[in-house]
Amino acid sequence: MASFPFVPAANAPFQFQPTLDSQTYVCTVPWNIFGQRWYLQCNALSGGLIFNVPLVGSPNDYPINLAAGYFTTSALVFNEASQTFVVTP
């Protein structure tokens, strides 16, 4: 399990590199001015877009897998209480 604290900056989108299904990806969390919310964009290291979804926070007792349907064994969850992205396995 890996975790990435969500610490957005004022001048650039937050970015982290999770390993999902044994491959490393680049995830960016930009603010969408029209939607007035954060989005999670996942790209391959080569730059190809894997998915772009609204950032949905999970409560402590109910993990919402933001990468569901894109990976077979890995899950990517944003824990709202701790403001942390959690990747398993």
PDB file of N, CA and C in Angstrom:
ATOM      1  N   MET A   1       0.842  -1.174   0.000  1.00  0.00           N
ATOM      2  CA  MET A   1       0.000   0.000   0.000  1.00  0.00           C
ATOM      3  C   MET A   1       0.891   1.242   0.000  1.00  0.00           C
ATOM      4  N   ALA A   2       0.528   2.201  -0.838  1.00  0.00           N
ATOM      5  CA  ALA A   2       1.243   3.477  -0.899  1.00  0.00           C
ATOM      6  C   ALA A   2       0.249   4.597  -0.666  1.00  0.00           C
ATOM      7  N   SER A   3       0.719   5.674  -0.058  1.00  0.00           N
ATOM      8  CA  SER A   3      -0.165   6.819   0.164  1.00  0.00           C
ATOM      9  C   SER A   3       0.533   8.104  -0.273  1.00  0.00           C
ATOM     10  N   PHE A   4      -0.280   9.027  -0.760  1.00  0.00           N
ATOM     11  CA  PHE A   4       0.206  10.301  -1.271  1.00  0.00           C
ATOM     12  C   PHE A   4      -0.661  11.411  -0.682  1.00  0.00           C
ATOM     13  N   PRO A   5      -0.129  12.212   0.247  1.00  0.00           N
ATOM     14  CA  PRO A   5      -0.916  13.313   0.813  1.00  0.00           C
ATOM     15  C   PRO A   5      -1.242  14.342  -0.271  1.00  0.00           C
ATOM     16  N   PHE A   6      -2.491  14.760  -0.306  1.00  0.00           N
ATOM     17  CA  PHE A   6      -2.957  15.753  -1.278  1.00  0.00           C
ATOM     18  C   PHE A   6      -2.639  17.143  -0.740  1.00  0.00           C
ATOM     19  N   VAL A   7      -1.624  17.780  -1.358  1.00  0.00           N
ATOM     20  CA  VAL A   7      -1.193  19.110  -0.952  1.00  0.00           C
ATOM     21  C   VAL A   7      -1.154  19.986  -2.203  1.00  0.00           C
ATOM     22  N   PRO A   8      -2.304  20.557  -2.589  1.00  0.00           N
ATOM     23  CA  PRO A   8      -2.330  21.367  -3.804  1.00  0.00           C
ATOM     24  C   PRO A   8      -1.576  22.683  -3.626  1.00  0.00           C
ATOM     25  N   ALA A   9      -0.995  23.153  -4.725  1.00  0.00           N
ATOM     26  CA  ALA A   9      -0.285  24.436  -4.737  1.00  0.00           C
ATOM     27  C   ALA A   9      -1.120  25.455  -5.510  1.00  0.00           C
ATOM     28  N   ALA A  10      -0.856  26.695  -5.280  1.00  0.00           N
ATOM     29  CA  ALA A  10      -1.621  27.759  -5.939  1.00  0.00           C
ATOM     30  C   ALA A  10      -1.235  27.948  -7.401  1.00  0.00           C
ATOM     31  N   ASN A  11      -0.015  27.545  -7.765  1.00  0.00           N
ATOM     32  CA  ASN A  11       0.471  27.850  -9.109  1.00  0.00           C
ATOM     33  C   ASN A  11       0.615  26.651 -10.046  1.00  0.00           C
ATOM     34  N   ALA A  12       0.316  25.443  -9.592  1.00  0.00           N
ATOM     35  CA  ALA A  12       0.443  24.254 -10.456  1.00  0.00           C
ATOM     36  C   ALA A  12      -0.445  23.144  -9.911  1.00  0.00           C
ATOM     37  N   PRO A  13      -0.958  22.283 -10.803  1.00  0.00           N
ATOM     38  CA  PRO A  13      -1.773  21.150 -10.324  1.00  0.00           C
ATOM     39  C   PRO A  13      -0.942  20.187  -9.480  1.00  0.00           C
ATOM     40  N   PHE A  14      -1.585  19.604  -8.485  1.00  0.00           N
ATOM     41  CA  PHE A  14      -0.948  18.569  -7.670  1.00  0.00           C
ATOM     42  C   PHE A  14      -0.664  17.357  -8.547  1.00  0.00           C
ATOM     43  N   GLN A  15       0.473  16.697  -8.324  1.00  0.00           N
ATOM     44  CA  GLN A  15       0.862  15.558  -9.153  1.00  0.00           C
ATOM     45  C   GLN A  15       1.543  14.487  -8.299  1.00  0.00           C
ATOM     46  N   PHE A  16       1.293  13.215  -8.629  1.00  0.00           N
ATOM     47  CA  PHE A  16       1.962  12.098  -7.963  1.00  0.00           C
ATOM     48  C   PHE A  16       2.078  10.937  -8.942  1.00  0.00           C
ATOM     49  N   GLN A  17       2.935   9.947  -8.614  1.00  0.00           N
ATOM     50  CA  GLN A  17       3.176   8.812  -9.504  1.00  0.00           C
ATOM     51  C   GLN A  17       2.883   7.495  -8.791  1.00  0.00           C
ATOM     52  N   PRO A  18       1.650   7.012  -8.906  1.00  0.00           N
ATOM     53  CA  PRO A  18       1.316   5.725  -8.293  1.00  0.00           C
ATOM     54  C   PRO A  18       1.710   4.556  -9.196  1.00  0.00           C
ATOM     55  N   THR A  19       1.879   3.405  -8.582  1.00  0.00           N
ATOM     56  CA  THR A  19       2.081   2.160  -9.327  1.00  0.00           C
ATOM     57  C   THR A  19       0.772   1.392  -9.276  1.00  0.00           C
ATOM     58  N   LEU A  20       0.182   1.192 -10.442  1.00  0.00           N
ATOM     59  CA  LEU A  20      -1.103   0.499 -10.571  1.00  0.00           C
ATOM     60  C   LEU A  20      -0.917  -0.693 -11.496  1.00  0.00           C
ATOM     61  N   ASP A  21      -1.295  -1.869 -11.040  1.00  0.00           N
ATOM     62  CA  ASP A  21      -1.096  -3.110 -11.801  1.00  0.00           C
ATOM     63  C   ASP A  21       0.348  -3.227 -12.302  1.00  0.00           C
ATOM     64  N   SER A  22       1.300  -2.931 -11.433  1.00  0.00           N
ATOM     65  CA  SER A  22       2.744  -3.063 -11.675  1.00  0.00           C
ATOM     66  C   SER A  22       3.302  -2.089 -12.706  1.00  0.00           C
ATOM     67  N   GLN A  23       2.570  -1.059 -13.057  1.00  0.00           N
ATOM     68  CA  GLN A  23       3.040  -0.027 -13.975  1.00  0.00           C
ATOM     69  C   GLN A  23       2.956   1.330 -13.266  1.00  0.00           C
ATOM     70  N   THR A  24       3.909   2.197 -13.549  1.00  0.00           N
ATOM     71  CA  THR A  24       3.893   3.530 -12.966  1.00  0.00           C
ATOM     72  C   THR A  24       3.139   4.490 -13.877  1.00  0.00           C
ATOM     73  N   TYR A  25       2.317   5.331 -13.266  1.00  0.00           N
ATOM     74  CA  TYR A  25       1.509   6.310 -13.994  1.00  0.00           C
ATOM     75  C   TYR A  25       1.735   7.693 -13.398  1.00  0.00           C
ATOM     76  N   VAL A  26       1.338   8.711 -14.122  1.00  0.00           N
ATOM     77  CA  VAL A  26       1.389  10.080 -13.625  1.00  0.00           C
ATOM     78  C   VAL A  26      -0.041  10.543 -13.402  1.00  0.00           C
ATOM     79  N   CYS A  27      -0.368  10.876 -12.164  1.00  0.00           N
ATOM     80  CA  CYS A  27      -1.699  11.384 -11.838  1.00  0.00           C
ATOM     81  C   CYS A  27      -1.594  12.865 -11.509  1.00  0.00           C
ATOM     82  N   THR A  28      -2.474  13.623 -12.104  1.00  0.00           N
ATOM     83  CA  THR A  28      -2.536  15.062 -11.903  1.00  0.00           C
ATOM     84  C   THR A  28      -3.920  15.405 -11.381  1.00  0.00           C
ATOM     85  N   VAL A  29      -3.975  16.369 -10.452  1.00  0.00           N
ATOM     86  CA  VAL A  29      -5.253  16.762  -9.859  1.00  0.00           C
ATOM     87  C   VAL A  29      -5.453  18.263 -10.111  1.00  0.00           C
ATOM     88  N   PRO A  30      -6.015  18.610 -11.275  1.00  0.00           N
ATOM     89  CA  PRO A  30      -6.257  20.029 -11.562  1.00  0.00           C
ATOM     90  C   PRO A  30      -7.608  20.496 -11.019  1.00  0.00           C
ATOM     91  N   TRP A  31      -7.702  21.786 -10.787  1.00  0.00           N
ATOM     92  CA  TRP A  31      -8.967  22.416 -10.403  1.00  0.00           C
ATOM     93  C   TRP A  31      -9.684  22.807 -11.681  1.00  0.00           C
ATOM     94  N   ASN A  32     -10.953  22.437 -11.806  1.00  0.00           N
ATOM     95  CA  ASN A  32     -11.749  22.803 -12.975  1.00  0.00           C
ATOM     96  C   ASN A  32     -12.596  24.011 -12.602  1.00  0.00           C
ATOM     97  N   ILE A  33     -12.304  25.131 -13.234  1.00  0.00           N
ATOM     98  CA  ILE A  33     -12.973  26.383 -12.875  1.00  0.00           C
ATOM     99  C   ILE A  33     -14.462  26.359 -13.197  1.00  0.00           C
ATOM    100  N   PHE A  34     -14.843  25.711 -14.294  1.00  0.00           N
ATOM    101  CA  PHE A  34     -16.255  25.667 -14.673  1.00  0.00           C
ATOM    102  C   PHE A  34     -17.047  24.724 -13.775  1.00  0.00           C
ATOM    103  N   GLY A  35     -16.447  23.574 -13.437  1.00  0.00           N
ATOM    104  CA  GLY A  35     -17.116  22.618 -12.559  1.00  0.00           C
ATOM    105  C   GLY A  35     -16.979  22.954 -11.086  1.00  0.00           C
ATOM    106  N   GLN A  36     -16.026  23.871 -10.771  1.00  0.00           N
ATOM    107  CA  GLN A  36     -15.750  24.268  -9.388  1.00  0.00           C
ATOM    108  C   GLN A  36     -15.436  23.061  -8.512  1.00  0.00           C
ATOM    109  N   ARG A  37     -14.556  22.193  -9.054  1.00  0.00           N
ATOM    110  CA  ARG A  37     -14.164  21.000  -8.307  1.00  0.00           C
ATOM    111  C   ARG A  37     -12.840  20.477  -8.829  1.00  0.00           C
ATOM    112  N   TRP A  38     -12.249  19.552  -8.063  1.00  0.00           N
ATOM    113  CA  TRP A  38     -11.012  18.888  -8.449  1.00  0.00           C
ATOM    114  C   TRP A  38     -11.336  17.709  -9.361  1.00  0.00           C
ATOM    115  N   TYR A  39     -10.430  17.404 -10.271  1.00  0.00           N
ATOM    116  CA  TYR A  39     -10.524  16.229 -11.128  1.00  0.00           C
ATOM    117  C   TYR A  39      -9.251  15.415 -10.976  1.00  0.00           C
ATOM    118  N   LEU A  40      -9.337  14.122 -11.200  1.00  0.00           N
ATOM    119  CA  LEU A  40      -8.188  13.230 -11.176  1.00  0.00           C
ATOM    120  C   LEU A  40      -7.927  12.750 -12.591  1.00  0.00           C
ATOM    121  N   GLN A  41      -6.763  13.096 -13.106  1.00  0.00           N
ATOM    122  CA  GLN A  41      -6.372  12.686 -14.456  1.00  0.00           C
ATOM    123  C   GLN A  41      -5.193  11.733 -14.330  1.00  0.00           C
ATOM    124  N   CYS A  42      -5.305  10.569 -14.949  1.00  0.00           N
ATOM    125  CA  CYS A  42      -4.252   9.561 -14.906  1.00  0.00           C
ATOM    126  C   CYS A  42      -3.711   9.350 -16.318  1.00  0.00           C
ATOM    127  N   ASN A  43      -2.394   9.479 -16.463  1.00  0.00           N
ATOM    128  CA  ASN A  43      -1.740   9.298 -17.753  1.00  0.00           C
ATOM    129  C   ASN A  43      -0.643   8.246 -17.642  1.00  0.00           C
ATOM    130  N   ALA A  44      -0.409   7.531 -18.735  1.00  0.00           N
ATOM    131  CA  ALA A  44       0.740   6.642 -18.813  1.00  0.00           C
ATOM    132  C   ALA A  44       2.008   7.496 -18.834  1.00  0.00           C
ATOM    133  N   LEU A  45       3.146   6.915 -18.511  1.00  0.00           N
ATOM    134  CA  LEU A  45       4.401   7.664 -18.547  1.00  0.00           C
ATOM    135  C   LEU A  45       4.691   8.204 -19.941  1.00  0.00           C
ATOM    136  N   SER A  46       4.167   7.537 -20.964  1.00  0.00           N
ATOM    137  CA  SER A  46       4.355   7.996 -22.347  1.00  0.00           C
ATOM    138  C   SER A  46       3.464   9.196 -22.674  1.00  0.00           C
ATOM    139  N   GLY A  47       2.523   9.521 -21.780  1.00  0.00           N
ATOM    140  CA  GLY A  47       1.660  10.675 -21.983  1.00  0.00           C
ATOM    141  C   GLY A  47       0.231  10.352 -22.357  1.00  0.00           C
ATOM    142  N   GLY A  48      -0.061   9.106 -22.706  1.00  0.00           N
ATOM    143  CA  GLY A  48      -1.416   8.725 -23.106  1.00  0.00           C
ATOM    144  C   GLY A  48      -2.394   8.789 -21.943  1.00  0.00           C
ATOM    145  N   LEU A  49      -3.567   9.358 -22.192  1.00  0.00           N
ATOM    146  CA  LEU A  49      -4.587   9.478 -21.159  1.00  0.00           C
ATOM    147  C   LEU A  49      -5.208   8.112 -20.853  1.00  0.00           C
ATOM    148  N   ILE A  50      -5.268   7.762 -19.569  1.00  0.00           N
ATOM    149  CA  ILE A  50      -5.908   6.526 -19.120  1.00  0.00           C
ATOM    150  C   ILE A  50      -7.337   6.839 -18.677  1.00  0.00           C
ATOM    151  N   PHE A  51      -7.493   7.836 -17.785  1.00  0.00           N
ATOM    152  CA  PHE A  51      -8.832   8.279 -17.392  1.00  0.00           C
ATOM    153  C   PHE A  51      -8.770   9.692 -16.825  1.00  0.00           C
ATOM    154  N   ASN A  52      -9.922  10.335 -16.803  1.00  0.00           N
ATOM    155  CA  ASN A  52     -10.087  11.668 -16.218  1.00  0.00           C
ATOM    156  C   ASN A  52     -11.460  11.677 -15.545  1.00  0.00           C
ATOM    157  N   VAL A  53     -11.479  11.699 -14.217  1.00  0.00           N
ATOM    158  CA  VAL A  53     -12.733  11.593 -13.470  1.00  0.00           C
ATOM    159  C   VAL A  53     -12.810  12.683 -12.405  1.00  0.00           C
ATOM    160  N   PRO A  54     -14.018  13.056 -11.987  1.00  0.00           N
ATOM    161  CA  PRO A  54     -14.136  13.982 -10.857  1.00  0.00           C
ATOM    162  C   PRO A  54     -13.551  13.340  -9.603  1.00  0.00           C
ATOM    163  N   LEU A  55     -12.883  14.132  -8.800  1.00  0.00           N
ATOM    164  CA  LEU A  55     -12.307  13.624  -7.554  1.00  0.00           C
ATOM    165  C   LEU A  55     -13.415  13.460  -6.518  1.00  0.00           C
ATOM    166  N   VAL A  56     -13.649  12.218  -6.125  1.00  0.00           N
ATOM    167  CA  VAL A  56     -14.685  11.888  -5.148  1.00  0.00           C
ATOM    168  C   VAL A  56     -13.995  11.383  -3.889  1.00  0.00           C
ATOM    169  N   GLY A  57     -14.291  12.019  -2.769  1.00  0.00           N
ATOM    170  CA  GLY A  57     -13.695  11.616  -1.508  1.00  0.00           C
ATOM    171  C   GLY A  57     -14.432  10.448  -0.881  1.00  0.00           C
ATOM    172  N   SER A  58     -13.670   9.541  -0.303  1.00  0.00           N
ATOM    173  CA  SER A  58     -14.241   8.371   0.374  1.00  0.00           C
ATOM    174  C   SER A  58     -14.294   8.599   1.872  1.00  0.00           C
ATOM    175  N   PRO A  59     -15.392   8.197   2.519  1.00  0.00           N
ATOM    176  CA  PRO A  59     -15.387   8.195   3.981  1.00  0.00           C
ATOM    177  C   PRO A  59     -14.482   7.072   4.483  1.00  0.00           C
ATOM    178  N   ASN A  60     -14.123   7.130   5.752  1.00  0.00           N
ATOM    179  CA  ASN A  60     -13.190   6.134   6.312  1.00  0.00           C
ATOM    180  C   ASN A  60     -13.676   4.704   6.168  1.00  0.00           C
ATOM    181  N   ASP A  61     -14.971   4.473   6.254  1.00  0.00           N
ATOM    182  CA  ASP A  61     -15.495   3.111   6.254  1.00  0.00           C
ATOM    183  C   ASP A  61     -16.023   2.640   4.903  1.00  0.00           C
ATOM    184  N   TYR A  62     -15.840   3.444   3.838  1.00  0.00           N
ATOM    185  CA  TYR A  62     -16.364   3.050   2.531  1.00  0.00           C
ATOM    186  C   TYR A  62     -15.437   3.549   1.413  1.00  0.00           C
ATOM    187  N   PRO A  63     -14.435   2.731   1.031  1.00  0.00           N
ATOM    188  CA  PRO A  63     -13.496   3.168  -0.003  1.00  0.00           C
ATOM    189  C   PRO A  63     -14.141   3.178  -1.393  1.00  0.00           C
ATOM    190  N   ILE A  64     -14.018   4.291  -2.085  1.00  0.00           N
ATOM    191  CA  ILE A  64     -14.515   4.425  -3.449  1.00  0.00           C
ATOM    192  C   ILE A  64     -13.309   4.370  -4.381  1.00  0.00           C
ATOM    193  N   ASN A  65     -13.234   3.325  -5.184  1.00  0.00           N
ATOM    194  CA  ASN A  65     -12.105   3.125  -6.090  1.00  0.00           C
ATOM    195  C   ASN A  65     -12.263   4.025  -7.314  1.00  0.00           C
ATOM    196  N   LEU A  66     -11.438   5.066  -7.401  1.00  0.00           N
ATOM    197  CA  LEU A  66     -11.501   6.005  -8.519  1.00  0.00           C
ATOM    198  C   LEU A  66     -10.978   5.404  -9.822  1.00  0.00           C
ATOM    199  N   ALA A  67     -10.237   4.318  -9.732  1.00  0.00           N
ATOM    200  CA  ALA A  67      -9.679   3.664 -10.917  1.00  0.00           C
ATOM    201  C   ALA A  67     -10.434   2.389 -11.284  1.00  0.00           C
ATOM    202  N   ALA A  68     -11.624   2.210 -10.743  1.00  0.00           N
ATOM    203  CA  ALA A  68     -12.417   1.002 -11.023  1.00  0.00           C
ATOM    204  C   ALA A  68     -12.701   0.902 -12.517  1.00  0.00           C
ATOM    205  N   GLY A  69     -12.482  -0.282 -13.056  1.00  0.00           N
ATOM    206  CA  GLY A  69     -12.731  -0.525 -14.466  1.00  0.00           C
ATOM    207  C   GLY A  69     -11.525  -0.273 -15.355  1.00  0.00           C
ATOM    208  N   TYR A  70     -10.475   0.337 -14.801  1.00  0.00           N
ATOM    209  CA  TYR A  70      -9.278   0.623 -15.591  1.00  0.00           C
ATOM    210  C   TYR A  70      -8.125  -0.310 -15.255  1.00  0.00           C
ATOM    211  N   PHE A  71      -8.122  -0.848 -14.047  1.00  0.00           N
ATOM    212  CA  PHE A  71      -7.051  -1.740 -13.602  1.00  0.00           C
ATOM    213  C   PHE A  71      -7.667  -2.989 -12.980  1.00  0.00           C
ATOM    214  N   THR A  72      -6.969  -4.108 -13.082  1.00  0.00           N
ATOM    215  CA  THR A  72      -7.547  -5.369 -12.627  1.00  0.00           C
ATOM    216  C   THR A  72      -7.292  -5.664 -11.148  1.00  0.00           C
ATOM    217  N   THR A  73      -6.122  -5.299 -10.628  1.00  0.00           N
ATOM    218  CA  THR A  73      -5.822  -5.639  -9.234  1.00  0.00           C
ATOM    219  C   THR A  73      -5.652  -4.426  -8.333  1.00  0.00           C
ATOM    220  N   SER A  74      -5.291  -3.298  -8.869  1.00  0.00           N
ATOM    221  CA  SER A  74      -5.016  -2.113  -8.055  1.00  0.00           C
ATOM    222  C   SER A  74      -6.253  -1.251  -7.860  1.00  0.00           C
ATOM    223  N   ALA A  75      -6.266  -0.559  -6.726  1.00  0.00           N
ATOM    224  CA  ALA A  75      -7.325   0.403  -6.421  1.00  0.00           C
ATOM    225  C   ALA A  75      -6.672   1.732  -6.061  1.00  0.00           C
ATOM    226  N   LEU A  76      -7.339   2.817  -6.418  1.00  0.00           N
ATOM    227  CA  LEU A  76      -6.884   4.169  -6.101  1.00  0.00           C
ATOM    228  C   LEU A  76      -8.036   4.886  -5.401  1.00  0.00           C
ATOM    229  N   VAL A  77      -7.837   5.203  -4.125  1.00  0.00           N
ATOM    230  CA  VAL A  77      -8.894   5.777  -3.286  1.00  0.00           C
ATOM    231  C   VAL A  77      -8.414   7.112  -2.731  1.00  0.00           C
ATOM    232  N   PHE A  78      -9.310   8.097  -2.693  1.00  0.00           N
ATOM    233  CA  PHE A  78      -9.001   9.368  -2.047  1.00  0.00           C
ATOM    234  C   PHE A  78      -9.741   9.421  -0.723  1.00  0.00           C
ATOM    235  N   ASN A  79      -8.993   9.366   0.383  1.00  0.00           N
ATOM    236  CA  ASN A  79      -9.592   9.421   1.712  1.00  0.00           C
ATOM    237  C   ASN A  79      -9.818  10.882   2.079  1.00  0.00           C
ATOM    238  N   GLU A  80     -11.079  11.258   2.185  1.00  0.00           N
ATOM    239  CA  GLU A  80     -11.433  12.660   2.415  1.00  0.00           C
ATOM    240  C   GLU A  80     -10.965  13.173   3.775  1.00  0.00           C
ATOM    241  N   ALA A  81     -11.068  12.360   4.804  1.00  0.00           N
ATOM    242  CA  ALA A  81     -10.708  12.794   6.156  1.00  0.00           C
ATOM    243  C   ALA A  81      -9.220  13.127   6.268  1.00  0.00           C
ATOM    244  N   SER A  82      -8.374  12.301   5.688  1.00  0.00           N
ATOM    245  CA  SER A  82      -6.924  12.521   5.783  1.00  0.00           C
ATOM    246  C   SER A  82      -6.361  13.282   4.582  1.00  0.00           C
ATOM    247  N   GLN A  83      -7.213  13.541   3.566  1.00  0.00           N
ATOM    248  CA  GLN A  83      -6.769  14.219   2.344  1.00  0.00           C
ATOM    249  C   GLN A  83      -5.557  13.497   1.739  1.00  0.00           C
ATOM    250  N   THR A  84      -5.728  12.164   1.592  1.00  0.00           N
ATOM    251  CA  THR A  84      -4.642  11.320   1.112  1.00  0.00           C
ATOM    252  C   THR A  84      -5.151  10.367   0.034  1.00  0.00           C
ATOM    253  N   PHE A  85      -4.348  10.201  -1.019  1.00  0.00           N
ATOM    254  CA  PHE A  85      -4.597   9.179  -2.017  1.00  0.00           C
ATOM    255  C   PHE A  85      -3.954   7.887  -1.530  1.00  0.00           C
ATOM    256  N   VAL A  86      -4.697   6.781  -1.584  1.00  0.00           N
ATOM    257  CA  VAL A  86      -4.194   5.487  -1.135  1.00  0.00           C
ATOM    258  C   VAL A  86      -4.273   4.515  -2.306  1.00  0.00           C
ATOM    259  N   VAL A  87      -3.143   3.847  -2.586  1.00  0.00           N
ATOM    260  CA  VAL A  87      -3.069   2.876  -3.685  1.00  0.00           C
ATOM    261  C   VAL A  87      -2.851   1.501  -3.078  1.00  0.00           C
ATOM    262  N   THR A  88      -3.710   0.545  -3.478  1.00  0.00           N
ATOM    263  CA  THR A  88      -3.546  -0.858  -3.051  1.00  0.00           C
ATOM    264  C   THR A  88      -3.704  -1.737  -4.275  1.00  0.00           C
ATOM    265  N   PRO A  89      -3.128  -2.877  -4.365  1.00  0.00           N
ATOM    266  CA  PRO A  89      -1.916  -3.282  -3.673  1.00  0.00           C
ATOM    267  C   PRO A  89      -0.702  -2.622  -4.272  1.00  0.00           C
TER     268      PRO A  89
END
